[in-house]
Amino acid sequence: MDELTKHRRYLVLAICCSSLFLVSIDNTIVNVALPSIRADLNASVAGLQWIIDAYTLVLAALLMLGGSSADRFGRKRFFMIGTATFVLGSLLCSVAPSLGWLVAFRTLQAVGGSMMNPVAMSIITNTFTDPKERAGAIGVWGGVVGISMAGGPLIGGALVTSAGWQSIFWVNVPIGLVALFMTWKFVPESKAAHARRFDPVGQVLMIVLLASLVFTIIEAPAEGWSSTVILASASIAVLSLLGFLYVESRQKEPLVELGFFRSVPFSGATVIAVCAFASLGGFLFLNTLYLQDVRGFSPLHAGLYTLPMALMTLVFAPITGSRGPRFSLVVAGVGLTVSSIMLTQLGPDTSFMWLALSYIVFGIGFGMVNAPITNTAVSGMPRSQAGVASAIASTSRQVGQSLGVAVVGSIVTAGLVGSFEDGFVDAAQPAWFVMLAAGVTVLVLAVLTTGHWARGTAQRVADRAPELVS
């Protein structure tokens, strides 16, 4: 690819960031609309879980496939197909006549999203060849996550209040169409010199594993843990996990390089990503229902209430690079733990100050965790493997968010007695303690996975890198 002018490079960055904004804002903006969707489509708590998890599950399952496919067939082409698919999925979501159709169209959205985000990062890294300039571009890319989190609740609340829940999907269409045109006009085509081999068996097993696991967690409260359906889905999850481990250990270029998990920083970053984003998924899901269904706030009012959390994420995310990963991850663990303790005290009339303070503490914790996850995952890895390690960390984020929504939603469903509005606070109490456990796990791993011994295990994995991919 020919060297682009500075103006053209930053135009490409803006186009790629618009895709990240679309895909990431869909998490927060849709959460705000859940109570309205529940009322309009007569959805159960499990149905609301599927609206979120259909999106995050497919993203988790297809992110790595999307990145490797774009490297092989052309990044610009794949990015454009993904953007068009996402726009189509958004348009169909806005006219979904029932819960089942909405979940199906959310899946289509996620297919497009899995072709956009990893590909956009590949385009950025290939466009910005100067290391210093590339670091700045990646910093801007990461900042867009904070902007989407900060803007999502407020934008979503305003749209739902003024034009109904369908409007949260309409907003994706014009932005996506502009991004599609700009990509066609200004983004150069590029491919990898050596694209990773496809791993179709591993890919199918990953999809089956994630889908069956989340299905088991979400549907068990309604079906019963001893029901034939749940026992069958749980068995499928276990068998697909065993099959996945067997297949991946024998592939030359597997979908997930199992040898990386011998690195303590990498393994720790993966578990931290799952726990932190499970906390985020649970936090957004529970607080949206609490603020609107229990407290009776409008979607816009609820969005304003959660704004302190999003703003803290926006403020603290950029400063995580100024200190080592241990400091950032310890602060993150403390923030997620303390906020969860505070949220266990929620009642039907909890004061605004207590809510705001707990949201601020959660926002600080979550803001400090995102960038160090990637930095810790690639710590000690050779440059040739850093992209794969980063992709696994990104997949772990989506898996965590899916599991967070699945677990806390199922806890609420199982514990709900009486009407939703009257019984939600008590039913949600154990869910906050699950999030507390996730925060404590982040804190413990922050200490264990960033020390001298842990870095030594990463170095040993890096020394074995040629053997891992031979």
Protein backbone atom coordinates (compact mmCIF):
# COMPACT_ATOMS: atom_id res chain seq x y z
CA MET A 1 0.00 0.00 0.00
CA ASP A 2 1.42 3.42 -0.98
CA GLU A 3 2.22 5.95 1.75
CA LEU A 4 -0.77 8.21 2.34
CA THR A 5 -0.65 11.92 3.18
CA LYS A 6 -1.15 12.87 6.83
CA HIS A 7 -4.58 14.33 6.05
CA ARG A 8 -5.63 11.12 4.30
CA ARG A 9 -4.33 8.93 7.14
CA TYR A 10 -6.39 10.78 9.72
CA LEU A 11 -9.42 10.68 7.46
CA VAL A 12 -9.04 6.88 7.38
CA LEU A 13 -8.77 6.92 11.19
CA ALA A 14 -12.01 8.93 11.46
CA ILE A 15 -13.81 6.47 9.18
CA CYS A 16 -12.58 3.48 11.20
CA CYS A 17 -13.52 5.17 14.50
CA SER A 18 -17.05 5.73 13.21
CA SER A 19 -17.42 1.96 12.90
CA LEU A 20 -16.21 1.42 16.47
CA PHE A 21 -18.64 4.07 17.68
CA LEU A 22 -21.55 2.29 15.98
CA VAL A 23 -20.67 -1.17 17.27
CA SER A 24 -19.80 -0.15 20.85
CA ILE A 25 -22.62 2.35 21.40
CA ASP A 26 -25.11 -0.41 20.62
CA ASN A 27 -24.33 -1.96 24.01
CA THR A 28 -25.24 1.06 26.15
CA ILE A 29 -27.91 2.53 23.92
CA VAL A 30 -29.91 -0.71 23.71
CA ASN A 31 -29.76 -1.27 27.48
CA VAL A 32 -31.56 2.03 28.07
CA ALA A 33 -34.36 0.87 25.76
CA LEU A 34 -34.94 -2.52 27.44
CA PRO A 35 -37.89 -1.53 29.66
CA SER A 36 -39.67 0.08 26.68
CA ILE A 37 -39.03 -3.02 24.57
CA ARG A 38 -40.29 -5.22 27.41
CA ALA A 39 -43.55 -3.27 27.59
CA ASP A 40 -44.06 -3.03 23.82
CA LEU A 41 -43.15 -6.60 22.86
CA ASN A 42 -44.32 -8.25 26.11
CA ALA A 43 -40.84 -9.64 26.71
CA SER A 44 -39.72 -11.60 29.77
CA VAL A 45 -36.41 -10.98 31.57
CA ALA A 46 -34.98 -13.90 29.56
CA GLY A 47 -36.15 -12.22 26.36
CA LEU A 48 -34.34 -9.03 27.34
CA GLN A 49 -31.20 -11.06 28.05
CA TRP A 50 -31.32 -12.49 24.54
CA ILE A 51 -31.64 -9.01 23.00
CA ILE A 52 -28.26 -8.15 24.54
CA ASP A 53 -26.57 -11.55 24.32
CA ALA A 54 -27.54 -12.33 20.73
CA TYR A 55 -25.35 -9.35 19.84
CA THR A 56 -22.40 -9.90 22.18
CA LEU A 57 -22.31 -13.68 21.64
CA VAL A 58 -22.04 -13.44 17.87
CA LEU A 59 -19.39 -10.73 18.20
CA ALA A 60 -17.41 -12.96 20.54
CA ALA A 61 -17.71 -15.99 18.29
CA LEU A 62 -16.82 -14.26 15.00
CA LEU A 63 -14.31 -11.52 15.90
CA MET A 64 -11.23 -13.62 15.15
CA LEU A 65 -12.74 -15.09 12.00
CA GLY A 66 -13.58 -11.58 10.80
CA GLY A 67 -10.01 -10.38 11.28
CA SER A 68 -8.36 -13.34 9.54
CA SER A 69 -10.88 -13.31 6.66
CA ALA A 70 -10.22 -9.62 6.00
CA ASP A 71 -6.46 -10.26 5.99
CA ARG A 72 -7.03 -12.89 3.32
CA PHE A 73 -9.69 -11.33 1.08
CA GLY A 74 -9.02 -7.62 1.49
CA ARG A 75 -9.62 -5.37 4.46
CA LYS A 76 -11.46 -2.58 2.66
CA ARG A 77 -13.81 -4.99 0.92
CA PHE A 78 -14.57 -6.89 4.12
CA PHE A 79 -15.05 -3.68 6.10
CA MET A 80 -17.58 -2.41 3.56
CA ILE A 81 -19.51 -5.69 3.60
CA GLY A 82 -19.57 -5.60 7.40
CA THR A 83 -20.78 -1.99 7.49
CA ALA A 84 -23.56 -2.71 4.99
CA THR A 85 -24.62 -5.78 7.00
CA PHE A 86 -24.68 -3.78 10.23
CA VAL A 87 -26.79 -1.04 8.63
CA LEU A 88 -29.23 -3.61 7.23
CA GLY A 89 -29.47 -5.34 10.62
CA SER A 90 -30.13 -2.00 12.34
CA LEU A 91 -32.87 -1.10 9.87
CA LEU A 92 -34.54 -4.49 10.34
CA CYS A 93 -34.30 -4.19 14.16
CA SER A 94 -36.26 -0.93 13.96
CA VAL A 95 -39.21 -2.68 12.26
CA ALA A 96 -39.06 -5.99 14.20
CA PRO A 97 -42.66 -7.08 14.86
CA SER A 98 -41.86 -9.42 17.76
CA LEU A 99 -39.16 -10.38 20.25
CA GLY A 100 -38.01 -13.35 18.17
CA TRP A 101 -37.47 -11.22 15.08
CA LEU A 102 -35.66 -8.55 17.10
CA VAL A 103 -33.23 -11.14 18.48
CA ALA A 104 -32.67 -12.52 14.97
CA PHE A 105 -31.96 -9.06 13.55
CA ARG A 106 -29.62 -8.30 16.47
CA THR A 107 -27.69 -11.38 15.40
CA LEU A 108 -27.41 -9.97 11.87
CA GLN A 109 -26.17 -6.68 13.34
CA ALA A 110 -23.46 -8.55 15.22
CA VAL A 111 -22.33 -10.42 12.10
CA GLY A 112 -21.70 -7.03 10.53
CA GLY A 113 -20.01 -5.76 13.68
CA SER A 114 -17.62 -8.74 13.73
CA MET A 115 -16.52 -7.74 10.22
CA MET A 116 -16.04 -4.08 11.17
CA ASN A 117 -14.12 -3.76 14.44
CA PRO A 118 -11.15 -6.12 13.99
CA VAL A 119 -10.84 -5.08 10.36
CA ALA A 120 -10.85 -1.39 11.25
CA MET A 121 -7.97 -1.96 13.68
CA SER A 122 -6.04 -3.79 10.94
CA ILE A 123 -6.64 -0.87 8.57
CA ILE A 124 -5.36 1.58 11.19
CA THR A 125 -2.19 -0.38 11.96
CA ASN A 126 -1.42 -0.68 8.25
CA THR A 127 -2.21 2.98 7.53
CA PHE A 128 -0.07 4.44 10.33
CA THR A 129 3.40 3.02 9.70
CA ASP A 130 5.25 5.42 12.04
CA PRO A 131 5.23 3.86 15.55
CA LYS A 132 4.64 7.17 17.36
CA GLU A 133 1.85 8.20 15.03
CA ARG A 134 0.32 4.72 15.24
CA ALA A 135 0.31 4.85 19.05
CA GLY A 136 -1.56 8.15 18.90
CA ALA A 137 -4.07 6.74 16.41
CA ILE A 138 -4.70 3.70 18.60
CA GLY A 139 -5.16 6.04 21.56
CA VAL A 140 -7.86 7.92 19.64
CA TRP A 141 -9.44 4.57 18.73
CA GLY A 142 -9.57 3.57 22.41
CA GLY A 143 -11.00 6.94 23.40
CA VAL A 144 -13.97 6.38 21.13
CA VAL A 145 -15.07 3.54 23.45
CA GLY A 146 -15.29 6.02 26.30
CA ILE A 147 -17.19 8.52 24.16
CA SER A 148 -19.70 5.86 23.07
CA MET A 149 -20.22 4.79 26.70
CA ALA A 150 -20.70 8.38 27.83
CA GLY A 151 -23.05 9.25 24.98
CA GLY A 152 -24.95 5.97 24.78
CA PRO A 153 -27.24 6.30 27.84
CA LEU A 154 -27.97 9.95 27.16
CA ILE A 155 -28.54 9.58 23.40
CA GLY A 156 -30.54 6.39 23.93
CA GLY A 157 -32.64 7.92 26.66
CA ALA A 158 -33.43 11.00 24.57
CA LEU A 159 -34.32 8.91 21.52
CA VAL A 160 -36.52 6.42 23.39
CA THR A 161 -38.32 9.18 25.28
CA SER A 162 -39.01 11.27 22.16
CA ALA A 163 -39.44 8.70 19.39
CA GLY A 164 -39.71 5.19 20.89
CA TRP A 165 -37.25 2.33 21.18
CA GLN A 166 -37.12 1.81 17.42
CA SER A 167 -35.25 5.09 17.04
CA ILE A 168 -32.11 3.71 18.72
CA PHE A 169 -31.63 1.57 15.61
CA TRP A 170 -32.55 4.28 13.12
CA VAL A 171 -29.58 6.38 14.24
CA ASN A 172 -27.16 3.70 12.97
CA VAL A 173 -28.44 3.91 9.41
CA PRO A 174 -27.28 7.40 8.29
CA ILE A 175 -23.96 7.11 10.17
CA GLY A 176 -23.35 3.69 8.65
CA LEU A 177 -24.20 4.83 5.13
CA VAL A 178 -21.82 7.80 5.41
CA ALA A 179 -19.06 5.47 6.71
CA LEU A 180 -19.75 3.09 3.82
CA PHE A 181 -19.40 5.84 1.22
CA MET A 182 -16.29 7.30 2.84
CA THR A 183 -14.67 3.89 3.02
CA TRP A 184 -15.31 3.28 -0.68
CA LYS A 185 -13.96 6.73 -1.55
CA PHE A 186 -10.92 7.14 0.68
CA VAL A 187 -9.74 3.88 2.34
CA PRO A 188 -7.09 1.99 0.36
CA GLU A 189 -7.31 -1.77 -0.06
CA SER A 190 -4.79 -3.97 1.74
CA LYS A 191 -4.20 -7.63 2.51
CA ALA A 192 -1.86 -9.57 4.79
CA ALA A 193 1.31 -11.01 3.30
CA HIS A 194 0.50 -14.22 5.15
CA ALA A 195 -3.09 -14.64 6.31
CA ARG A 196 -3.77 -17.13 9.09
CA ARG A 197 -5.33 -20.39 7.98
CA PHE A 198 -9.01 -20.94 8.52
CA ASP A 199 -9.98 -23.23 11.37
CA PRO A 200 -13.58 -24.18 10.50
CA VAL A 201 -13.90 -26.97 13.06
CA GLY A 202 -12.61 -24.77 15.87
CA GLN A 203 -14.89 -21.93 14.76
CA VAL A 204 -18.00 -24.13 14.78
CA LEU A 205 -17.11 -25.59 18.17
CA MET A 206 -16.63 -22.09 19.62
CA ILE A 207 -20.05 -21.00 18.37
CA VAL A 208 -21.71 -24.13 19.76
CA LEU A 209 -19.88 -23.77 23.10
CA LEU A 210 -20.85 -20.13 23.66
CA ALA A 211 -24.43 -20.53 22.43
CA SER A 212 -25.14 -23.66 24.50
CA LEU A 213 -23.50 -22.21 27.63
CA VAL A 214 -25.48 -18.96 27.50
CA PHE A 215 -28.70 -20.81 26.58
CA THR A 216 -28.26 -23.02 29.65
CA ILE A 217 -27.74 -20.05 31.98
CA ILE A 218 -30.58 -17.91 30.58
CA GLU A 219 -33.26 -20.58 30.16
CA ALA A 220 -32.57 -22.72 33.26
CA PRO A 221 -34.69 -20.61 35.68
CA ALA A 222 -37.76 -21.05 33.48
CA GLU A 223 -37.13 -24.61 32.28
CA GLY A 224 -35.65 -26.00 35.50
CA TRP A 225 -32.05 -27.14 35.97
CA SER A 226 -33.09 -30.80 35.82
CA SER A 227 -35.19 -30.46 32.66
CA THR A 228 -34.25 -32.44 29.57
CA VAL A 229 -33.62 -29.28 27.52
CA ILE A 230 -31.24 -27.76 30.06
CA LEU A 231 -29.38 -31.01 30.73
CA ALA A 232 -28.97 -31.49 26.97
CA SER A 233 -27.68 -27.94 26.40
CA ALA A 234 -25.31 -28.21 29.37
CA SER A 235 -23.98 -31.52 27.99
CA ILE A 236 -23.48 -29.94 24.59
CA ALA A 237 -21.52 -27.09 26.22
CA VAL A 238 -19.21 -29.52 28.03
CA LEU A 239 -18.67 -31.73 24.97
CA SER A 240 -18.03 -28.77 22.68
CA LEU A 241 -15.48 -27.38 25.20
CA LEU A 242 -13.63 -30.70 25.30
CA GLY A 243 -13.79 -30.95 21.51
CA PHE A 244 -12.54 -27.38 21.13
CA LEU A 245 -9.53 -28.01 23.40
CA TYR A 246 -8.71 -31.21 21.53
CA VAL A 247 -8.96 -29.67 18.04
CA GLU A 248 -7.11 -26.45 18.89
CA SER A 249 -4.20 -28.33 20.48
CA ARG A 250 -3.58 -30.12 17.17
CA GLN A 251 -3.93 -27.26 14.68
CA LYS A 252 -0.88 -25.58 13.15
CA GLU A 253 -2.67 -22.21 13.12
CA PRO A 254 -5.58 -22.61 15.52
CA LEU A 255 -8.38 -20.14 16.07
CA VAL A 256 -7.18 -19.80 19.68
CA GLU A 257 -3.51 -20.50 20.40
CA LEU A 258 -3.73 -22.55 23.60
CA GLY A 259 0.01 -22.25 24.18
CA PHE A 260 -0.45 -18.57 24.98
CA PHE A 261 -2.22 -19.54 28.20
CA ARG A 262 1.10 -20.71 29.63
CA SER A 263 1.82 -17.00 30.00
CA VAL A 264 0.43 -15.91 33.36
CA PRO A 265 -0.07 -12.28 32.23
CA PHE A 266 -1.98 -13.48 29.17
CA SER A 267 -4.16 -15.92 31.12
CA GLY A 268 -4.75 -13.30 33.80
CA ALA A 269 -5.70 -10.66 31.23
CA THR A 270 -8.20 -13.07 29.69
CA VAL A 271 -9.90 -13.81 33.02
CA ILE A 272 -9.79 -10.12 34.02
CA ALA A 273 -11.46 -9.22 30.72
CA VAL A 274 -14.22 -11.76 31.31
CA CYS A 275 -14.81 -10.59 34.91
CA ALA A 276 -14.63 -6.85 34.20
CA PHE A 277 -16.94 -6.97 31.22
CA ALA A 278 -19.29 -9.35 33.00
CA SER A 279 -19.52 -6.64 35.66
CA LEU A 280 -20.23 -4.04 32.96
CA GLY A 281 -22.91 -6.20 31.34
CA GLY A 282 -24.54 -6.91 34.70
CA PHE A 283 -24.29 -3.28 35.80
CA LEU A 284 -25.97 -1.89 32.67
CA PHE A 285 -28.66 -4.58 32.63
CA LEU A 286 -29.64 -4.34 36.30
CA ASN A 287 -29.46 -0.57 36.65
CA THR A 288 -31.54 0.07 33.54
CA LEU A 289 -34.37 -2.10 34.91
CA TYR A 290 -33.98 -0.68 38.41
CA LEU A 291 -34.06 2.97 37.36
CA GLN A 292 -36.99 2.68 34.97
CA ASP A 293 -39.15 -0.16 36.32
CA VAL A 294 -38.57 0.24 40.07
CA ARG A 295 -37.93 3.98 40.38
CA GLY A 296 -40.23 4.95 37.51
CA PHE A 297 -37.76 7.22 35.72
CA SER A 298 -38.11 7.96 32.01
CA PRO A 299 -35.43 6.56 29.66
CA LEU A 300 -33.87 10.04 29.39
CA HIS A 301 -33.85 10.47 33.18
CA ALA A 302 -32.31 7.00 33.59
CA GLY A 303 -29.66 7.88 31.03
CA LEU A 304 -28.77 11.02 32.98
CA TYR A 305 -28.47 8.99 36.19
CA THR A 306 -25.88 6.64 34.66
CA LEU A 307 -23.95 9.50 33.03
CA PRO A 308 -21.53 9.84 36.02
CA MET A 309 -20.35 6.27 35.44
CA ALA A 310 -19.79 6.85 31.74
CA LEU A 311 -18.03 10.16 32.28
CA MET A 312 -15.62 8.61 34.79
CA THR A 313 -14.82 5.92 32.23
CA LEU A 314 -14.18 8.62 29.63
CA VAL A 315 -11.92 10.60 32.00
CA PHE A 316 -9.89 7.74 33.45
CA ALA A 317 -9.44 5.50 30.40
CA PRO A 318 -6.82 7.73 28.72
CA ILE A 319 -4.59 7.94 31.82
CA THR A 320 -4.08 4.19 32.24
CA GLY A 321 -1.05 4.25 29.97
CA SER A 322 0.85 6.66 32.24
CA ARG A 323 1.31 4.03 34.96
CA GLY A 324 2.16 0.35 34.82
CA PRO A 325 -0.57 -2.25 34.35
CA ARG A 326 -0.45 -3.31 38.01
CA PHE A 327 -1.46 0.13 39.31
CA SER A 328 -4.30 0.48 36.79
CA LEU A 329 -5.63 -3.03 37.34
CA VAL A 330 -5.48 -2.75 41.14
CA VAL A 331 -7.43 0.52 41.00
CA ALA A 332 -9.89 -1.19 38.64
CA GLY A 333 -10.34 -4.12 40.99
CA VAL A 334 -10.89 -1.83 43.98
CA GLY A 335 -13.38 0.29 42.03
CA LEU A 336 -15.42 -2.67 40.78
CA THR A 337 -15.40 -4.27 44.24
CA VAL A 338 -16.36 -1.16 46.23
CA SER A 339 -19.10 -0.14 43.79
CA SER A 340 -20.62 -3.64 43.94
CA ILE A 341 -20.64 -3.49 47.75
CA MET A 342 -22.46 -0.17 47.54
CA LEU A 343 -24.97 -1.48 45.02
CA THR A 344 -25.90 -4.40 47.29
CA GLN A 345 -27.58 -1.73 49.46
CA LEU A 346 -29.99 -0.55 46.76
CA GLY A 347 -33.60 -0.19 47.82
CA PRO A 348 -36.78 1.20 46.26
CA ASP A 349 -35.95 4.71 47.49
CA THR A 350 -32.12 4.86 47.57
CA SER A 351 -30.90 8.47 47.53
CA PHE A 352 -29.48 10.10 44.43
CA MET A 353 -26.17 10.77 46.19
CA TRP A 354 -25.66 7.08 47.01
CA LEU A 355 -26.51 6.07 43.43
CA ALA A 356 -24.25 8.74 41.93
CA LEU A 357 -21.33 7.83 44.19
CA SER A 358 -21.63 4.10 43.43
CA TYR A 359 -21.84 4.86 39.70
CA ILE A 360 -18.79 7.15 39.88
CA VAL A 361 -16.73 4.48 41.68
CA PHE A 362 -17.81 1.85 39.13
CA GLY A 363 -16.90 4.20 36.25
CA ILE A 364 -13.42 4.80 37.69
CA GLY A 365 -12.87 1.05 38.10
CA PHE A 366 -14.06 0.18 34.64
CA GLY A 367 -12.21 3.10 33.06
CA MET A 368 -8.92 1.82 34.49
CA VAL A 369 -9.30 -1.78 33.29
CA ASN A 370 -9.80 -1.72 29.52
CA ALA A 371 -6.43 -0.65 28.11
CA PRO A 372 -4.33 -2.68 30.60
CA ILE A 373 -6.18 -5.83 29.53
CA THR A 374 -4.69 -5.57 26.04
CA ASN A 375 -1.31 -4.36 27.31
CA THR A 376 -1.07 -7.26 29.76
CA ALA A 377 -2.24 -9.81 27.19
CA VAL A 378 0.50 -8.86 24.73
CA SER A 379 3.15 -8.37 27.44
CA GLY A 380 6.27 -10.24 26.43
CA MET A 381 4.70 -11.56 23.22
CA PRO A 382 6.74 -11.28 20.01
CA ARG A 383 5.33 -8.70 17.58
CA SER A 384 4.29 -11.44 15.18
CA GLN A 385 1.89 -12.82 17.80
CA ALA A 386 0.69 -9.59 19.42
CA GLY A 387 -2.26 -9.25 17.04
CA VAL A 388 -3.56 -12.73 17.80
CA ALA A 389 -3.13 -12.21 21.55
CA SER A 390 -4.98 -8.89 21.35
CA ALA A 391 -7.81 -10.51 19.36
CA ILE A 392 -8.25 -13.20 22.03
CA ALA A 393 -8.43 -10.46 24.68
CA SER A 394 -11.11 -8.66 22.63
CA THR A 395 -13.08 -11.88 22.31
CA SER A 396 -12.84 -12.36 26.09
CA ARG A 397 -14.44 -8.94 26.60
CA GLN A 398 -17.50 -9.94 24.56
CA VAL A 399 -17.71 -13.35 26.24
CA GLY A 400 -17.62 -11.63 29.63
CA GLN A 401 -20.40 -9.22 28.75
CA SER A 402 -22.55 -12.08 27.44
CA LEU A 403 -22.03 -14.12 30.60
CA GLY A 404 -22.65 -11.11 32.84
CA VAL A 405 -26.06 -10.43 31.31
CA ALA A 406 -26.91 -14.14 31.28
CA VAL A 407 -25.97 -14.75 34.93
CA VAL A 408 -27.49 -11.65 36.56
CA GLY A 409 -30.66 -11.90 34.47
CA SER A 410 -31.13 -15.52 35.42
CA ILE A 411 -30.60 -14.72 39.10
CA VAL A 412 -33.33 -12.07 38.88
CA THR A 413 -35.69 -14.44 37.06
CA ALA A 414 -35.14 -17.21 39.61
CA GLY A 415 -35.64 -14.91 42.61
CA LEU A 416 -38.53 -12.81 41.35
CA VAL A 417 -41.62 -13.07 43.58
CA GLY A 418 -44.76 -11.10 42.80
CA SER A 419 -44.76 -8.25 40.31
CA PHE A 420 -41.59 -7.18 38.55
CA GLU A 421 -41.65 -3.68 40.03
CA ASP A 422 -42.19 -4.87 43.61
CA GLY A 423 -39.93 -7.91 43.57
CA PHE A 424 -36.95 -6.71 41.50
CA VAL A 425 -34.86 -5.20 44.31
CA ASP A 426 -34.88 -8.38 46.41
CA ALA A 427 -34.41 -10.62 43.36
CA ALA A 428 -31.40 -8.60 42.21
CA GLN A 429 -29.63 -8.72 45.59
CA PRO A 430 -27.66 -11.95 44.90
CA ALA A 431 -26.68 -10.61 41.46
CA TRP A 432 -24.81 -7.70 43.03
CA PHE A 433 -22.83 -10.20 45.14
CA VAL A 434 -21.89 -12.09 41.97
CA MET A 435 -20.55 -8.81 40.58
CA LEU A 436 -18.71 -8.30 43.88
CA ALA A 437 -16.98 -11.66 43.37
CA ALA A 438 -15.99 -10.59 39.85
CA GLY A 439 -14.47 -7.37 41.22
CA VAL A 440 -12.49 -9.26 43.86
CA THR A 441 -11.20 -11.62 41.15
CA VAL A 442 -9.96 -8.65 39.12
CA LEU A 443 -8.18 -7.26 42.18
CA VAL A 444 -6.47 -10.55 43.08
CA LEU A 445 -5.37 -11.24 39.51
CA ALA A 446 -4.10 -7.66 39.16
CA VAL A 447 -1.52 -8.46 41.83
CA LEU A 448 -0.72 -12.05 40.83
CA THR A 449 -0.32 -11.56 37.07
CA THR A 450 1.82 -8.41 36.91
CA GLY A 451 4.82 -9.36 39.05
CA HIS A 452 8.31 -10.62 38.21
CA TRP A 453 7.33 -14.31 38.25
CA ALA A 454 4.39 -13.70 35.93
CA ARG A 455 6.55 -11.76 33.46
CA GLY A 456 8.98 -14.65 33.42
CA THR A 457 6.27 -17.04 32.24
CA ALA A 458 5.40 -14.60 29.44
CA GLN A 459 9.03 -14.53 28.34
CA ARG A 460 9.15 -18.32 28.21
CA VAL A 461 6.07 -18.34 25.98
CA ALA A 462 7.66 -15.70 23.73
CA ASP A 463 10.81 -17.83 23.45
CA ARG A 464 8.63 -20.75 22.31
CA ALA A 465 6.65 -18.64 19.78
CA PRO A 466 8.16 -20.27 16.65
CA GLU A 467 7.30 -23.68 18.09
CA LEU A 468 3.70 -22.59 18.84
CA VAL A 469 3.00 -21.64 15.22
CA SER A 470 5.17 -24.19 13.42
